[in-house]
Amino acid sequence: MSARAWGWVRHLLDGGTTAWGEWHAEADAVGRVVPGAQQLELLRRLNQSARPVPEGLARRVLEASAPGRGRPDLELEGAAHDSRFGARPVDPSLLPTEELLRVATHLLAEDLVALGPVDRRPDALPRPWRRRYRLVGDPLLADPVRRDLVARGRPPRPGGEVVVVGADLGRMLADAWTALCFDHGVGSWAAWQATWHQRDQIPPRVDLPRVLTTWQERRGADHVHLLVEGTPGWQRLPRLVGVRRLEVPPRPGEEAAELARRVAAVLGLMVDAPRRSVLLRDGLLPRLPAEAFVAAAPGAADRVRLPAVSAEHADWVARRARRMSRRLTAAGYPVDLAPGPGGGAAGGVGGADDGREAARDDAADGVLSLAVRMLLGGWKERA
């Protein structure tokens, strides 16, 4: 039966897309051992996306390992002795998407280490007459805007106005998780929500009452401003940081964040923690294809989804949002941080629990689709 397996290997190396269960031709061996089922099925998916896959990439896929928690490399059903011990041979087409993602993220991590970070040299030298400001708060609002201002020769300066930026609480929780995915890695979105719910706490960077109190004690209340995305006061942001026009870069979608989280786990085995953060933030993020981001404009129609608060945590998020809103209003900042209606695009509540498994499978398929596009070279074109 190994001759049949080698025939399929040759077929895939030639750009074929026939599934293992439909393959019957035989061929001589082209290696010492038949590659694992995960690697073979991933190569078949790559062939389906764009044929022919470069020979070098095809060889890398077949030689790759599948790190992390999961099954070891699996043999092909019908081409190996089915022992009573160890993992049973499988039909590759029936493998969970998670197994294919383990191989794909290992390859992407190797590429990322080889490519290194994108050169982020400022477009202009710091301007000595620039306005003094500090920009803090929601990491997907504050950090990208700050990087843009630095590139324009307007880095932050101490002693000026302190601008605290935020959004509705559902959106800020998703932003805090996404930022960690592109920093040093983090647990899954579901586990991360559950952790903060159990603590009955809000992540420090998006705990707006706490952030405001800290900066008011340092600079005085008159020099601290709260701007909430989607409210009329948001239009004051350019003036407060000393520019005429300013656009918040689009947020990475849930699939992009999940891919980054998985790549981070593999990078942890290859490089030290500081290098991993640089590669994720300055290497992976700027190389993601444009379709992996959600348009910043509220209500923009887009296929890409943002992480949505799960149904089991919705009441807790609503209660915390009301509590934060009352504290901010009492401090002189009348805002409403209640999560918006709808799904991920508004940071709102997710679907019913009955569809949780299907939604998880769809999300994994979306992450694999993004990984496949990047393996085929799309991300390198943006470097």
Protein backbone atom coordinates (compact mmCIF):
# COMPACT_ATOMS: atom_id res chain seq x y z
CA MET A 1 0.00 0.00 0.00
CA SER A 2 2.96 2.36 0.41
CA ALA A 3 3.31 2.49 -3.38
CA ARG A 4 -0.15 4.03 -3.54
CA ALA A 5 0.85 6.58 -0.89
CA TRP A 6 3.98 7.53 -2.84
CA GLY A 7 1.86 7.88 -5.95
CA TRP A 8 -0.29 10.41 -4.12
CA VAL A 9 2.79 12.26 -2.85
CA ARG A 10 4.07 12.60 -6.42
CA HIS A 11 0.62 13.74 -7.55
CA LEU A 12 0.56 16.49 -4.92
CA LEU A 13 4.11 17.60 -5.70
CA ASP A 14 3.01 17.98 -9.33
CA GLY A 15 0.18 20.30 -8.23
CA GLY A 16 -2.60 17.72 -8.03
CA THR A 17 -5.76 18.16 -5.95
CA THR A 18 -7.25 14.64 -5.91
CA ALA A 19 -8.30 13.56 -2.42
CA TRP A 20 -6.61 10.56 -0.83
CA GLY A 21 -9.80 8.53 -0.81
CA GLU A 22 -10.08 8.88 -4.59
CA TRP A 23 -6.44 8.10 -5.38
CA HIS A 24 -5.40 4.66 -6.67
CA ALA A 25 -2.25 5.02 -8.81
CA GLU A 26 1.10 3.82 -7.48
CA ALA A 27 4.64 5.12 -7.79
CA ASP A 28 8.15 4.56 -6.47
CA ALA A 29 9.25 6.21 -3.25
CA VAL A 30 10.59 9.77 -3.42
CA GLY A 31 11.85 9.84 0.16
CA ARG A 32 12.68 7.79 3.21
CA VAL A 33 9.23 7.86 4.80
CA VAL A 34 5.80 8.92 3.60
CA PRO A 35 4.98 12.44 4.92
CA GLY A 36 2.29 12.82 7.56
CA ALA A 37 -1.38 13.13 6.69
CA GLN A 38 -1.53 16.72 8.00
CA GLN A 39 1.28 17.85 5.72
CA LEU A 40 -0.12 16.06 2.68
CA GLU A 41 -3.62 17.48 3.13
CA LEU A 42 -2.25 21.00 3.64
CA LEU A 43 -0.32 20.71 0.37
CA ARG A 44 -3.51 19.57 -1.38
CA ARG A 45 -5.34 22.65 -0.02
CA LEU A 46 -2.50 24.86 -1.25
CA ASN A 47 -2.79 23.28 -4.69
CA GLN A 48 -6.51 24.02 -4.69
CA SER A 49 -5.85 27.69 -4.00
CA ALA A 50 -3.19 28.39 -6.61
CA ARG A 51 -1.56 25.91 -8.92
CA PRO A 52 1.26 25.20 -9.26
CA VAL A 53 2.60 25.75 -5.75
CA PRO A 54 6.31 26.64 -5.89
CA GLU A 55 8.38 23.48 -5.59
CA GLY A 56 10.34 24.85 -2.65
CA LEU A 57 7.17 25.56 -0.69
CA ALA A 58 5.73 22.14 -1.50
CA ARG A 59 8.86 20.45 -0.19
CA ARG A 60 8.80 22.60 2.95
CA VAL A 61 5.20 21.63 3.65
CA LEU A 62 5.95 17.92 3.38
CA GLU A 63 9.02 18.22 5.62
CA ALA A 64 7.38 20.46 8.24
CA SER A 65 6.47 19.36 11.74
CA ALA A 66 3.19 20.02 13.53
CA PRO A 67 4.21 21.67 16.83
CA GLY A 68 1.99 22.41 19.78
CA ARG A 69 -0.75 20.43 21.40
CA GLY A 70 -2.33 18.02 18.96
CA ARG A 71 -1.73 14.73 17.28
CA PRO A 72 1.70 13.60 16.13
CA ASP A 73 2.31 13.21 12.41
CA LEU A 74 -0.38 10.77 11.26
CA GLU A 75 -0.12 8.01 8.69
CA LEU A 76 -2.50 7.55 5.79
CA GLU A 77 -5.47 5.27 6.24
CA GLY A 78 -5.13 2.34 3.88
CA ALA A 79 -1.40 2.81 3.42
CA ALA A 80 -0.07 1.84 6.85
CA HIS A 81 -0.38 -1.01 9.30
CA ASP A 82 -3.23 -0.20 11.69
CA SER A 83 -1.57 -1.01 15.02
CA ARG A 84 -3.48 -1.25 18.28
CA PHE A 85 -0.95 1.17 19.81
CA GLY A 86 -0.33 4.81 19.00
CA ALA A 87 -2.32 7.08 16.70
CA ARG A 88 -4.46 5.33 14.14
CA PRO A 89 -3.99 6.10 10.43
CA VAL A 90 -6.49 8.64 9.09
CA ASP A 91 -8.18 9.85 5.93
CA PRO A 92 -6.57 13.29 5.50
CA SER A 93 -9.78 14.84 4.16
CA LEU A 94 -11.44 14.13 7.54
CA LEU A 95 -8.77 15.84 9.64
CA PRO A 96 -9.92 18.80 11.76
CA THR A 97 -8.81 22.16 10.45
CA GLU A 98 -6.87 22.62 13.69
CA GLU A 99 -4.42 19.92 12.59
CA LEU A 100 -3.67 21.66 9.30
CA LEU A 101 -3.26 24.99 11.08
CA ARG A 102 -0.51 23.54 13.27
CA VAL A 103 1.59 22.84 10.19
CA ALA A 104 0.70 26.12 8.44
CA THR A 105 1.57 28.31 11.44
CA HIS A 106 4.92 26.54 11.85
CA LEU A 107 5.79 27.43 8.25
CA LEU A 108 4.63 31.03 8.68
CA ALA A 109 6.72 31.40 11.82
CA GLU A 110 9.78 30.20 9.89
CA ASP A 111 9.06 32.74 7.15
CA LEU A 112 8.60 35.52 9.69
CA VAL A 113 11.94 34.80 11.38
CA ALA A 114 13.65 34.84 7.98
CA LEU A 115 11.94 38.06 6.83
CA GLY A 116 12.38 40.01 10.04
CA PRO A 117 10.52 43.23 10.88
CA VAL A 118 9.50 45.79 8.28
CA ASP A 119 11.66 48.91 8.29
CA ARG A 120 9.65 51.55 10.18
CA ARG A 121 11.95 54.55 9.87
CA PRO A 122 10.06 57.83 10.35
CA ASP A 123 9.13 59.71 7.20
CA ALA A 124 10.19 62.97 8.84
CA LEU A 125 12.50 64.14 11.61
CA PRO A 126 10.85 65.19 14.87
CA ARG A 127 9.57 68.75 14.60
CA PRO A 128 10.75 70.90 17.50
CA TRP A 129 7.57 73.02 17.42
CA ARG A 130 5.21 70.06 17.55
CA ARG A 131 2.42 70.03 20.12
CA ARG A 132 3.04 68.32 23.44
CA TYR A 133 0.70 65.39 24.00
CA ARG A 134 0.30 61.90 25.42
CA LEU A 135 -1.96 59.32 23.78
CA VAL A 136 -3.17 56.43 25.96
CA GLY A 137 -6.09 54.04 26.28
CA ASP A 138 -7.48 51.46 23.84
CA PRO A 139 -4.40 49.84 22.24
CA LEU A 140 -5.92 49.51 18.75
CA LEU A 141 -6.79 53.20 18.78
CA ALA A 142 -3.85 54.75 20.63
CA ASP A 143 -0.91 52.68 19.35
CA PRO A 144 -1.54 52.86 15.56
CA VAL A 145 -2.27 56.61 15.75
CA ARG A 146 0.87 57.20 17.79
CA ARG A 147 2.98 55.26 15.26
CA ASP A 148 1.48 57.35 12.45
CA LEU A 149 2.27 60.57 14.29
CA VAL A 150 5.84 59.44 14.95
CA ALA A 151 6.28 58.72 11.23
CA ARG A 152 5.05 62.27 10.49
CA GLY A 153 7.64 63.78 12.78
CA ARG A 154 5.26 64.32 15.70
CA PRO A 155 6.20 61.86 18.46
CA PRO A 156 4.67 62.36 21.93
CA ARG A 157 6.19 64.94 24.25
CA PRO A 158 5.64 65.10 28.02
CA GLY A 159 4.03 68.08 29.63
CA GLY A 160 1.11 68.66 27.25
CA GLU A 161 -2.44 67.40 26.89
CA VAL A 162 -3.22 63.79 27.78
CA VAL A 163 -5.69 62.17 25.38
CA VAL A 164 -7.41 59.00 26.60
CA VAL A 165 -9.09 57.15 23.72
CA GLY A 166 -11.68 54.42 24.02
CA ALA A 167 -14.76 52.79 22.50
CA ASP A 168 -17.72 50.81 23.76
CA LEU A 169 -16.66 48.18 26.28
CA GLY A 170 -17.29 45.20 23.99
CA ARG A 171 -15.06 46.72 21.34
CA MET A 172 -12.35 47.65 23.86
CA LEU A 173 -12.20 44.12 25.26
CA ALA A 174 -11.76 42.78 21.73
CA ASP A 175 -9.12 45.42 21.01
CA ALA A 176 -7.17 44.54 24.16
CA TRP A 177 -7.15 40.84 23.22
CA THR A 178 -6.19 41.55 19.60
CA ALA A 179 -3.31 43.76 20.70
CA LEU A 180 -1.94 40.96 22.87
CA CYS A 181 -2.17 38.54 19.93
CA PHE A 182 0.23 40.83 18.06
CA ASP A 183 2.47 41.41 21.07
CA HIS A 184 3.54 38.26 22.91
CA GLY A 185 0.63 35.89 22.38
CA VAL A 186 -2.36 35.14 24.59
CA GLY A 187 -4.98 32.48 25.21
CA SER A 188 -8.00 32.05 22.97
CA TRP A 189 -10.63 34.80 22.79
CA ALA A 190 -13.13 32.59 24.65
CA ALA A 191 -10.68 31.74 27.44
CA TRP A 192 -9.53 35.36 27.73
CA GLN A 193 -13.11 36.62 28.19
CA ALA A 194 -13.78 33.96 30.79
CA THR A 195 -10.66 34.92 32.76
CA TRP A 196 -11.65 38.59 33.12
CA HIS A 197 -15.27 37.65 33.84
CA GLN A 198 -14.16 35.38 36.69
CA ARG A 199 -11.97 38.16 38.10
CA ASP A 200 -14.76 40.71 37.56
CA GLN A 201 -12.09 43.10 36.33
CA ILE A 202 -11.30 45.03 33.15
CA PRO A 203 -7.87 44.89 31.43
CA PRO A 204 -5.82 47.87 32.71
CA ARG A 205 -5.36 49.65 29.37
CA VAL A 206 -9.12 49.82 28.72
CA ASP A 207 -10.22 50.47 32.30
CA LEU A 208 -10.97 54.09 31.38
CA PRO A 209 -11.92 55.38 34.87
CA ARG A 210 -8.66 54.05 36.25
CA VAL A 211 -6.61 55.46 33.35
CA LEU A 212 -8.25 58.88 33.73
CA THR A 213 -7.68 58.97 37.48
CA THR A 214 -4.00 58.09 37.02
CA TRP A 215 -3.38 60.88 34.51
CA GLN A 216 -5.48 63.44 36.35
CA GLU A 217 -3.28 62.93 39.40
CA ARG A 218 -0.18 63.45 37.24
CA ARG A 219 -1.28 66.33 35.01
CA GLY A 220 -4.46 67.77 36.52
CA ALA A 221 -8.02 67.30 35.31
CA ASP A 222 -7.91 70.30 32.96
CA HIS A 223 -5.21 68.65 30.84
CA VAL A 224 -6.85 65.20 30.51
CA HIS A 225 -9.37 64.52 27.72
CA LEU A 226 -11.52 61.44 27.11
CA LEU A 227 -12.50 60.71 23.50
CA VAL A 228 -14.79 57.78 22.70
CA GLU A 229 -14.86 56.42 19.16
CA GLY A 230 -18.14 56.99 17.38
CA THR A 231 -19.18 59.98 19.49
CA PRO A 232 -19.12 63.67 18.41
CA GLY A 233 -16.16 64.40 20.67
CA TRP A 234 -14.03 61.98 18.66
CA GLN A 235 -13.57 64.70 16.02
CA ARG A 236 -11.36 66.61 18.48
CA LEU A 237 -8.56 64.03 18.26
CA PRO A 238 -6.52 65.65 15.41
CA ARG A 239 -6.53 69.06 17.09
CA LEU A 240 -5.50 67.68 20.47
CA VAL A 241 -2.43 65.95 18.98
CA GLY A 242 -1.52 68.88 16.73
CA VAL A 243 -2.48 67.81 13.20
CA ARG A 244 -5.19 68.84 10.74
CA ARG A 245 -6.30 65.38 9.65
CA LEU A 246 -5.94 61.98 11.23
CA GLU A 247 -7.31 58.56 10.37
CA VAL A 248 -7.34 55.54 12.65
CA PRO A 249 -5.92 52.55 10.73
CA PRO A 250 -8.38 49.68 10.24
CA ARG A 251 -8.44 46.98 12.89
CA PRO A 252 -7.19 43.45 12.18
CA GLY A 253 -10.12 41.06 11.91
CA GLU A 254 -10.72 38.12 14.22
CA GLU A 255 -9.09 35.68 11.78
CA ALA A 256 -5.93 37.80 11.58
CA ALA A 257 -5.73 38.06 15.37
CA GLU A 258 -6.24 34.32 15.79
CA LEU A 259 -3.54 33.59 13.21
CA ALA A 260 -1.14 35.94 15.03
CA ARG A 261 -1.94 34.22 18.33
CA ARG A 262 -1.06 30.84 16.86
CA VAL A 263 2.09 32.08 15.16
CA ALA A 264 3.16 33.66 18.47
CA ALA A 265 3.02 30.27 20.16
CA VAL A 266 5.37 28.78 17.55
CA LEU A 267 7.70 31.78 17.59
CA GLY A 268 8.12 31.24 21.32
CA LEU A 269 10.05 28.07 20.44
CA MET A 270 12.29 29.89 17.94
CA VAL A 271 13.21 33.31 19.37
CA ASP A 272 13.29 35.08 22.72
CA ALA A 273 10.30 37.06 24.01
CA PRO A 274 11.43 40.57 22.96
CA ARG A 275 12.23 39.39 19.43
CA ARG A 276 8.89 37.62 19.22
CA SER A 277 7.04 40.85 20.02
CA VAL A 278 8.99 42.75 17.37
CA LEU A 279 8.32 40.09 14.73
CA LEU A 280 4.59 40.00 15.47
CA ARG A 281 4.03 43.75 15.71
CA ASP A 282 6.50 45.00 13.08
CA GLY A 283 6.80 41.92 10.88
CA LEU A 284 3.49 40.09 10.73
CA LEU A 285 0.99 42.92 11.23
CA PRO A 286 2.19 45.21 8.40
CA ARG A 287 2.46 42.25 6.02
CA LEU A 288 -1.11 41.03 6.44
CA PRO A 289 -3.20 41.36 3.26
CA ALA A 290 -5.67 44.24 3.14
CA GLU A 291 -8.65 41.89 3.24
CA ALA A 292 -7.62 40.78 6.76
CA PHE A 293 -8.62 44.18 8.21
CA VAL A 294 -11.98 45.71 9.10
CA ALA A 295 -12.74 49.19 7.77
CA ALA A 296 -12.56 51.81 10.51
CA ALA A 297 -15.71 53.65 9.44
CA PRO A 298 -18.67 52.73 11.70
CA GLY A 299 -21.22 50.59 9.91
CA ALA A 300 -18.96 49.87 6.93
CA ALA A 301 -20.03 46.72 5.13
CA ASP A 302 -17.22 44.22 5.37
CA ARG A 303 -16.87 40.45 5.29
CA VAL A 304 -14.17 40.54 7.96
CA ARG A 305 -15.42 40.18 11.53
CA LEU A 306 -14.11 41.56 14.79
CA PRO A 307 -14.18 39.41 17.93
CA ALA A 308 -17.63 39.52 19.51
CA VAL A 309 -18.46 39.14 23.20
CA SER A 310 -19.77 35.63 23.83
CA ALA A 311 -23.36 35.17 24.98
CA GLU A 312 -22.33 33.82 28.40
CA HIS A 313 -20.37 37.01 29.13
CA ALA A 314 -22.80 39.53 27.63
CA ASP A 315 -24.61 40.39 30.88
CA TRP A 316 -21.34 40.87 32.73
CA VAL A 317 -19.97 43.19 30.00
CA ALA A 318 -23.22 45.20 30.04
CA ARG A 319 -23.06 45.58 33.84
CA ARG A 320 -19.43 46.62 33.77
CA ALA A 321 -20.14 49.10 30.97
CA ARG A 322 -22.92 50.72 33.01
CA ARG A 323 -20.67 50.91 36.07
CA MET A 324 -17.82 52.48 34.08
CA SER A 325 -20.21 54.94 32.42
CA ARG A 326 -21.57 56.09 35.78
CA ARG A 327 -18.05 56.63 37.14
CA LEU A 328 -17.00 58.59 34.06
CA THR A 329 -20.15 60.71 34.11
CA ALA A 330 -19.60 61.52 37.78
CA ALA A 331 -16.03 62.58 36.93
CA GLY A 332 -17.29 65.00 34.27
CA TYR A 333 -17.11 62.78 31.20
CA PRO A 334 -20.70 61.92 30.21
CA VAL A 335 -20.30 58.88 27.95
CA ASP A 336 -22.09 55.58 27.38
CA LEU A 337 -19.80 52.56 27.01
CA ALA A 338 -22.59 50.00 26.50
CA PRO A 339 -21.70 47.47 23.77
CA GLY A 340 -23.33 48.21 20.43
CA PRO A 341 -26.01 45.96 18.93
CA GLY A 342 -25.18 43.19 16.49
CA GLY A 343 -22.10 41.09 15.98
CA GLY A 344 -18.36 41.51 15.88
CA ALA A 345 -18.32 44.68 13.76
CA ALA A 346 -19.87 46.57 16.66
CA GLY A 347 -18.14 44.66 19.41
CA GLY A 348 -21.54 43.34 20.43
CA VAL A 349 -22.93 39.99 21.52
CA GLY A 350 -22.24 36.84 19.58
CA GLY A 351 -24.72 34.25 18.33
CA ALA A 352 -26.63 31.59 20.22
CA ASP A 353 -24.79 28.88 22.11
CA ASP A 354 -26.34 26.21 19.87
CA GLY A 355 -24.24 27.46 16.98
CA ARG A 356 -21.00 27.75 18.94
CA GLU A 357 -19.34 24.65 17.51
CA ALA A 358 -20.27 25.56 13.95
CA ALA A 359 -19.00 29.09 14.47
CA ARG A 360 -15.71 27.76 15.87
CA ASP A 361 -15.26 25.50 12.83
CA ASP A 362 -16.02 28.37 10.45
CA ALA A 363 -13.51 30.57 12.27
CA ALA A 364 -10.79 27.91 12.01
CA ASP A 365 -11.51 27.52 8.29
CA GLY A 366 -11.17 31.29 7.87
CA VAL A 367 -7.85 31.32 9.71
CA LEU A 368 -6.56 28.47 7.54
CA SER A 369 -7.68 30.30 4.40
CA LEU A 370 -5.71 33.38 5.50
CA ALA A 371 -2.67 31.24 6.34
CA VAL A 372 -2.81 29.60 2.91
CA ARG A 373 -2.93 33.00 1.17
CA MET A 374 0.09 34.16 3.13
CA LEU A 375 2.07 30.98 2.52
CA LEU A 376 1.53 31.49 -1.19
CA GLY A 377 3.38 34.79 -0.96
CA GLY A 378 0.72 37.48 -0.53
CA TRP A 379 2.18 38.86 2.68
CA LYS A 380 5.68 39.21 1.31
CA GLU A 381 4.43 41.54 -1.43
CA ARG A 382 3.40 44.05 1.27
CA ALA A 383 6.82 44.15 2.94
